[in-house]
Amino acid sequence: QVQLVESGGGEPQAGGSLRLSCAASGRTFTTTYMGWFRQAPGKEREFVGTISWSAGTTNYADSVKGRFTISRDRAKNTVYLQMNTLKPEDTAVYYCAASTSVSVSPRNWNYWGQGTQVTVSS
C-alpha cells in the first residue's frame, strides 16, 4: 500500500500563487508516476498533470500549462504542485495520486490522497 497526504491548500487571490505538497509513504517503490487531479463542485475529477519519479518527466493539462509546475524530491518522497497566476476557475479540491502507469483518466490511478481545498477569489 501507498499512503499519500496533501497539504498547502488555501485561499489565494486571483493572480496569486500557491504550492501544494504531496508526501508519499509505504510501498512507494511500487509506483512509477505521481499525478495531480482536481475536482470542482458539481464537476468530475479532472487531470492536472503528472511527473515520473525517476526522470522527472512532466505532462500538463492545457488549462494549466505555463502556469502550473510539478516537481519532486525523491529523497523526501514528496511531489509539489506550484500554481502561479491563479484564476477563479482553478478553485477545486486538489488530489495527488500514484500509479505504475501514466494516464489522464482518474480511473487508472491506484492510490489517492485525501485532497486539499484551493479557493481562488476574484
C-alpha atoms as a PDB file:
ATOM      1  CA  GLN A   1       0.000   0.000   0.000  1.00  0.00           C
ATOM      2  CA  VAL A   2       0.960   3.596  -0.614  1.00  0.00           C
ATOM      3  CA  GLN A   3      -0.237   6.473   1.541  1.00  0.00           C
ATOM      4  CA  LEU A   4      -0.488   9.988   0.146  1.00  0.00           C
ATOM      5  CA  VAL A   5      -1.010  13.155   2.172  1.00  0.00           C
ATOM      6  CA  GLU A   6      -1.589  16.528   0.508  1.00  0.00           C
ATOM      7  CA  SER A   7      -1.015  19.866   2.171  1.00  0.00           C
ATOM      8  CA  GLY A   8      -0.740  23.521   1.280  1.00  0.00           C
ATOM      9  CA  GLY A   9      -4.279  24.378   0.243  1.00  0.00           C
ATOM     10  CA  GLY A  10      -5.613  27.850   0.889  1.00  0.00           C
ATOM     11  CA  GLU A  11      -7.498  30.876  -0.381  1.00  0.00           C
ATOM     12  CA  PRO A  12      -5.259  32.944  -2.655  1.00  0.00           C
ATOM     13  CA  GLN A  13      -6.468  35.856  -4.708  1.00  0.00           C
ATOM     14  CA  ALA A  14      -6.648  35.721  -8.480  1.00  0.00           C
ATOM     15  CA  GLY A  15      -3.209  36.249  -9.961  1.00  0.00           C
ATOM     16  CA  GLY A  16      -1.554  34.849  -6.875  1.00  0.00           C
ATOM     17  CA  SER A  17       0.436  31.697  -6.244  1.00  0.00           C
ATOM     18  CA  LEU A  18       0.217  28.625  -4.058  1.00  0.00           C
ATOM     19  CA  ARG A  19       2.316  25.493  -3.659  1.00  0.00           C
ATOM     20  CA  LEU A  20       0.793  22.161  -2.797  1.00  0.00           C
ATOM     21  CA  SER A  21       2.753  19.239  -1.415  1.00  0.00           C
ATOM     22  CA  CYS A  22       2.072  15.519  -1.539  1.00  0.00           C
ATOM     23  CA  ALA A  23       4.046  13.282   0.800  1.00  0.00           C
ATOM     24  CA  ALA A  24       4.155   9.609  -0.135  1.00  0.00           C
ATOM     25  CA  SER A  25       4.881   6.756   2.257  1.00  0.00           C
ATOM     26  CA  GLY A  26       4.623   2.996   2.336  1.00  0.00           C
ATOM     27  CA  ARG A  27       5.487   0.896  -0.702  1.00  0.00           C
ATOM     28  CA  THR A  28       6.396   3.886  -2.848  1.00  0.00           C
ATOM     29  CA  PHE A  29       8.850   1.799  -4.857  1.00  0.00           C
ATOM     30  CA  THR A  30       5.820   0.126  -6.465  1.00  0.00           C
ATOM     31  CA  THR A  31       4.753   3.392  -8.120  1.00  0.00           C
ATOM     32  CA  THR A  32       6.294   4.990 -11.178  1.00  0.00           C
ATOM     33  CA  TYR A  33       4.217   8.108 -11.653  1.00  0.00           C
ATOM     34  CA  MET A  34       2.647  10.748  -9.461  1.00  0.00           C
ATOM     35  CA  GLY A  35      -0.265  12.795 -10.649  1.00  0.00           C
ATOM     36  CA  TRP A  36      -2.322  15.796  -9.651  1.00  0.00           C
ATOM     37  CA  PHE A  37      -6.039  15.983 -10.272  1.00  0.00           C
ATOM     38  CA  ARG A  38      -8.710  18.425  -9.192  1.00  0.00           C
ATOM     39  CA  GLN A  39     -12.427  18.378  -8.664  1.00  0.00           C
ATOM     40  CA  ALA A  40     -14.667  21.414  -8.582  1.00  0.00           C
ATOM     41  CA  PRO A  41     -18.175  21.283  -7.046  1.00  0.00           C
ATOM     42  CA  GLY A  42     -20.589  19.508  -9.355  1.00  0.00           C
ATOM     43  CA  LYS A  43     -17.867  18.516 -11.795  1.00  0.00           C
ATOM     44  CA  GLU A  44     -15.924  15.366 -12.494  1.00  0.00           C
ATOM     45  CA  ARG A  45     -12.384  14.930 -11.294  1.00  0.00           C
ATOM     46  CA  GLU A  46     -10.030  16.234 -13.954  1.00  0.00           C
ATOM     47  CA  PHE A  47      -6.410  15.731 -14.861  1.00  0.00           C
ATOM     48  CA  VAL A  48      -3.928  18.480 -13.945  1.00  0.00           C
ATOM     49  CA  GLY A  49      -0.529  16.925 -14.557  1.00  0.00           C
ATOM     50  CA  THR A  50       1.891  14.100 -13.899  1.00  0.00           C
ATOM     51  CA  ILE A  51       5.537  13.510 -13.113  1.00  0.00           C
ATOM     52  CA  SER A  52       7.690  10.401 -13.252  1.00  0.00           C
ATOM     53  CA  TRP A  53       9.682   9.557 -10.147  1.00  0.00           C
ATOM     54  CA  SER A  54      12.838   8.552 -11.977  1.00  0.00           C
ATOM     55  CA  ALA A  55      13.357  11.048 -14.793  1.00  0.00           C
ATOM     56  CA  GLY A  56      11.106  13.818 -13.552  1.00  0.00           C
ATOM     57  CA  THR A  57       9.280  13.913 -16.880  1.00  0.00           C
ATOM     58  CA  THR A  58       6.175  16.073 -16.641  1.00  0.00           C
ATOM     59  CA  ASN A  59       2.918  16.372 -18.526  1.00  0.00           C
ATOM     60  CA  TYR A  60       0.201  19.000 -18.064  1.00  0.00           C
ATOM     61  CA  ALA A  61      -3.374  19.686 -18.967  1.00  0.00           C
ATOM     62  CA  ASP A  62      -3.750  22.518 -21.476  1.00  0.00           C
ATOM     63  CA  SER A  63      -5.725  24.528 -18.934  1.00  0.00           C
ATOM     64  CA  VAL A  64      -2.729  24.807 -16.580  1.00  0.00           C
ATOM     65  CA  LYS A  65       0.210  24.606 -18.966  1.00  0.00           C
ATOM     66  CA  GLY A  66       2.557  27.546 -18.449  1.00  0.00           C
ATOM     67  CA  ARG A  67       1.035  28.382 -15.050  1.00  0.00           C
ATOM     68  CA  PHE A  68       1.485  25.196 -13.006  1.00  0.00           C
ATOM     69  CA  THR A  69       4.707  23.278 -12.423  1.00  0.00           C
ATOM     70  CA  ILE A  70       5.098  19.818 -10.923  1.00  0.00           C
ATOM     71  CA  SER A  71       8.359  18.801  -9.277  1.00  0.00           C
ATOM     72  CA  ARG A  72       9.536  16.029  -6.989  1.00  0.00           C
ATOM     73  CA  ASP A  73      12.040  15.493  -4.211  1.00  0.00           C
ATOM     74  CA  ARG A  74      12.961  11.844  -4.317  1.00  0.00           C
ATOM     75  CA  ALA A  75      14.835  11.975  -1.015  1.00  0.00           C
ATOM     76  CA  LYS A  76      11.673  13.189   0.718  1.00  0.00           C
ATOM     77  CA  ASN A  77       9.246  11.112  -1.343  1.00  0.00           C
ATOM     78  CA  THR A  78       7.363  14.333  -1.934  1.00  0.00           C
ATOM     79  CA  VAL A  79       5.785  15.836  -5.023  1.00  0.00           C
ATOM     80  CA  TYR A  80       4.920  19.505  -5.394  1.00  0.00           C
ATOM     81  CA  LEU A  81       2.427  21.462  -7.460  1.00  0.00           C
ATOM     82  CA  GLN A  82       3.463  25.075  -7.874  1.00  0.00           C
ATOM     83  CA  MET A  83       0.489  27.104  -9.059  1.00  0.00           C
ATOM     84  CA  ASN A  84       1.044  30.601 -10.415  1.00  0.00           C
ATOM     85  CA  THR A  85      -1.254  33.172 -11.985  1.00  0.00           C
ATOM     86  CA  LEU A  86      -4.202  31.514 -10.331  1.00  0.00           C
ATOM     87  CA  LYS A  87      -7.703  32.049 -11.698  1.00  0.00           C
ATOM     88  CA  PRO A  88     -11.094  31.666 -10.007  1.00  0.00           C
ATOM     89  CA  GLU A  89     -11.732  28.665 -12.257  1.00  0.00           C
ATOM     90  CA  ASP A  90      -8.800  26.904 -10.585  1.00  0.00           C
ATOM     91  CA  THR A  91     -10.938  26.617  -7.457  1.00  0.00           C
ATOM     92  CA  ALA A  92     -11.257  22.934  -6.585  1.00  0.00           C
ATOM     93  CA  VAL A  93     -10.184  20.190  -4.249  1.00  0.00           C
ATOM     94  CA  TYR A  94      -6.764  19.096  -5.423  1.00  0.00           C
ATOM     95  CA  TYR A  95      -5.751  15.453  -5.140  1.00  0.00           C
ATOM     96  CA  CYS A  96      -2.466  13.710  -5.666  1.00  0.00           C
ATOM     97  CA  ALA A  97      -2.357  10.163  -6.959  1.00  0.00           C
ATOM     98  CA  ALA A  98       0.154   7.412  -7.612  1.00  0.00           C
ATOM     99  CA  SER A  99       0.284   4.680 -10.200  1.00  0.00           C
ATOM    100  CA  THR A 100       2.526   2.357 -12.160  1.00  0.00           C
ATOM    101  CA  SER A 101       1.406   3.896 -15.448  1.00  0.00           C
ATOM    102  CA  VAL A 102       0.586   7.393 -16.605  1.00  0.00           C
ATOM    103  CA  SER A 103      -2.931   8.311 -17.636  1.00  0.00           C
ATOM    104  CA  VAL A 104      -5.185  11.356 -17.806  1.00  0.00           C
ATOM    105  CA  SER A 105      -8.080   9.262 -16.526  1.00  0.00           C
ATOM    106  CA  PRO A 106      -8.560   9.175 -12.742  1.00  0.00           C
ATOM    107  CA  ARG A 107      -9.802   5.590 -13.059  1.00  0.00           C
ATOM    108  CA  ASN A 108      -6.323   4.360 -13.927  1.00  0.00           C
ATOM    109  CA  TRP A 109      -4.646   5.619 -10.756  1.00  0.00           C
ATOM    110  CA  ASN A 110      -4.197   3.214  -7.870  1.00  0.00           C
ATOM    111  CA  TYR A 111      -3.643   5.405  -4.826  1.00  0.00           C
ATOM    112  CA  TRP A 112      -5.148   8.726  -3.775  1.00  0.00           C
ATOM    113  CA  GLY A 113      -4.665  11.331  -1.095  1.00  0.00           C
ATOM    114  CA  GLN A 114      -7.499  12.898   0.854  1.00  0.00           C
ATOM    115  CA  GLY A 115      -7.394  16.161  -1.099  1.00  0.00           C
ATOM    116  CA  THR A 116      -6.736  19.774  -0.180  1.00  0.00           C
ATOM    117  CA  GLN A 117      -9.022  22.715  -0.926  1.00  0.00           C
ATOM    118  CA  VAL A 118      -7.890  25.614  -3.099  1.00  0.00           C
ATOM    119  CA  THR A 119     -10.269  28.554  -3.381  1.00  0.00           C
ATOM    120  CA  VAL A 120      -9.233  31.409  -5.654  1.00  0.00           C
ATOM    121  CA  SER A 121     -11.047  34.665  -5.068  1.00  0.00           C
ATOM    122  CA  SER A 122     -11.559  37.251  -7.780  1.00  0.00           C
END
